[in-house]
Amino acid sequence: MTAVGALRHRFTHQTSVTLPDGVGGLAAIYLTLDQLWGALETLSTEPAASEASRLALLVHRVTLRAPNTVAPGDRLLLRNRVFAVEAVHDPDGRGRFTRCRCREEQR
């Protein structure tokens, strides 16, 4: 299990909201919801999907102190890094921690 002292990274939790863009379409923006303490662990790296892209796909596990409202489709920011949340679960069913599988968005 995760020790509370391992939660040493301060993540910014954001969720996507769709708003009118003023010209008849819609635009997605991210709203900041909370600051959360968490642990970051790299799970895997995969080569880029195409020859045109040189960026690898990085998959991470982020463990956060519960309760929180993180859901798939949200994102977590850590300094200049962006992590897209793909899955969320309670690792021991006791409501103490939330574990997120995240894909790092490389820019």
Protein backbone atom coordinates (compact mmCIF):
# COMPACT_ATOMS: atom_id res chain seq x y z
CA MET A 1 0.00 0.00 0.00
CA THR A 2 1.03 3.59 -0.44
CA ALA A 3 2.54 5.42 2.52
CA VAL A 4 1.18 8.92 3.01
CA GLY A 5 4.77 10.26 2.91
CA ALA A 6 5.13 8.97 -0.67
CA LEU A 7 2.50 11.49 -1.83
CA ARG A 8 5.07 14.22 -2.40
CA HIS A 9 3.99 15.67 -5.76
CA ARG A 10 1.38 18.44 -5.91
CA PHE A 11 -0.92 17.84 -8.89
CA THR A 12 -3.45 20.27 -10.33
CA HIS A 13 -6.74 18.48 -11.13
CA GLN A 14 -8.58 19.79 -14.20
CA THR A 15 -11.77 18.74 -15.97
CA SER A 16 -12.91 19.46 -19.51
CA VAL A 17 -15.93 21.69 -20.13
CA THR A 18 -17.46 22.39 -23.55
CA LEU A 19 -18.58 25.96 -24.22
CA PRO A 20 -19.85 27.85 -27.28
CA ASP A 21 -16.91 29.33 -29.21
CA GLY A 22 -18.80 32.42 -30.42
CA VAL A 23 -18.91 31.39 -34.09
CA GLY A 24 -21.47 28.59 -33.92
CA GLY A 25 -19.22 25.80 -32.74
CA LEU A 26 -18.02 24.41 -29.47
CA ALA A 27 -14.66 24.68 -27.76
CA ALA A 28 -13.31 22.49 -24.97
CA ILE A 29 -11.54 24.24 -22.12
CA TYR A 30 -10.09 22.90 -18.89
CA LEU A 31 -11.20 24.18 -15.50
CA THR A 32 -9.00 23.75 -12.45
CA LEU A 33 -10.86 21.97 -9.66
CA ASP A 34 -8.33 21.22 -6.96
CA GLN A 35 -4.73 20.77 -5.86
CA LEU A 36 -4.00 17.16 -4.85
CA TRP A 37 -1.00 15.45 -3.29
CA GLY A 38 0.07 12.28 -5.07
CA ALA A 39 2.77 9.79 -6.00
CA LEU A 40 3.94 9.28 -9.58
CA GLU A 41 5.21 5.98 -10.98
CA THR A 42 6.08 5.23 -14.61
CA LEU A 43 4.48 1.96 -15.72
CA SER A 44 5.58 1.66 -19.33
CA THR A 45 6.95 3.38 -22.37
CA GLU A 46 5.90 2.47 -25.87
CA PRO A 47 7.44 3.63 -29.14
CA ALA A 48 5.65 6.25 -31.19
CA ALA A 49 2.70 5.00 -33.24
CA SER A 50 4.00 6.46 -36.49
CA GLU A 51 7.28 7.26 -38.15
CA ALA A 52 6.29 10.94 -38.29
CA SER A 53 6.12 11.15 -34.52
CA ARG A 54 9.28 10.72 -32.47
CA LEU A 55 7.50 10.99 -29.14
CA ALA A 56 7.05 7.86 -27.06
CA LEU A 57 3.82 6.99 -25.28
CA LEU A 58 4.40 7.13 -21.53
CA VAL A 59 1.95 5.43 -19.17
CA HIS A 60 2.00 6.31 -15.47
CA ARG A 61 0.22 5.39 -12.26
CA VAL A 62 -0.72 8.35 -10.08
CA THR A 63 -1.81 7.56 -6.52
CA LEU A 64 -3.81 10.33 -4.83
CA ARG A 65 -5.15 10.82 -1.34
CA ALA A 66 -8.91 10.20 -1.31
CA PRO A 67 -11.57 11.48 -1.35
CA ASN A 68 -11.34 13.39 -4.60
CA THR A 69 -13.40 13.79 -7.76
CA VAL A 70 -10.89 12.63 -10.38
CA ALA A 71 -12.60 10.77 -13.25
CA PRO A 72 -11.57 9.32 -16.63
CA GLY A 73 -11.28 12.15 -19.15
CA ASP A 74 -9.88 14.60 -16.59
CA ARG A 75 -6.24 15.59 -16.51
CA LEU A 76 -3.59 16.11 -13.87
CA LEU A 77 -0.84 18.72 -14.20
CA LEU A 78 2.55 18.49 -12.54
CA ARG A 79 4.64 21.57 -13.27
CA ASN A 80 4.94 21.54 -17.11
CA ARG A 81 3.73 17.93 -17.53
CA VAL A 82 0.18 16.91 -18.49
CA PHE A 83 -1.31 13.51 -17.59
CA ALA A 84 -4.59 12.42 -19.25
CA VAL A 85 -6.57 10.24 -16.83
CA GLU A 86 -7.69 7.01 -18.53
CA ALA A 87 -8.93 4.93 -15.56
CA VAL A 88 -9.57 5.48 -11.85
CA HIS A 89 -10.01 2.96 -9.03
CA ASP A 90 -9.79 2.50 -5.27
CA PRO A 91 -6.89 0.03 -4.83
CA ASP A 92 -8.01 -1.53 -1.54
CA GLY A 93 -11.70 -0.63 -1.41
CA ARG A 94 -11.27 1.35 1.81
CA GLY A 95 -11.56 4.87 0.36
CA ARG A 96 -8.10 6.00 1.49
CA PHE A 97 -6.43 6.36 -1.91
CA THR A 98 -7.40 6.78 -5.55
CA ARG A 99 -5.19 5.21 -8.19
CA CYS A 100 -5.23 6.63 -11.73
CA ARG A 101 -3.81 5.17 -14.92
CA CYS A 102 -2.60 8.16 -16.95
CA ARG A 103 -1.08 8.77 -20.35
CA GLU A 104 1.43 11.59 -20.44
CA GLU A 105 0.65 14.14 -23.14
CA GLN A 106 3.93 15.20 -24.67
CA ARG A 107 4.19 18.59 -26.29
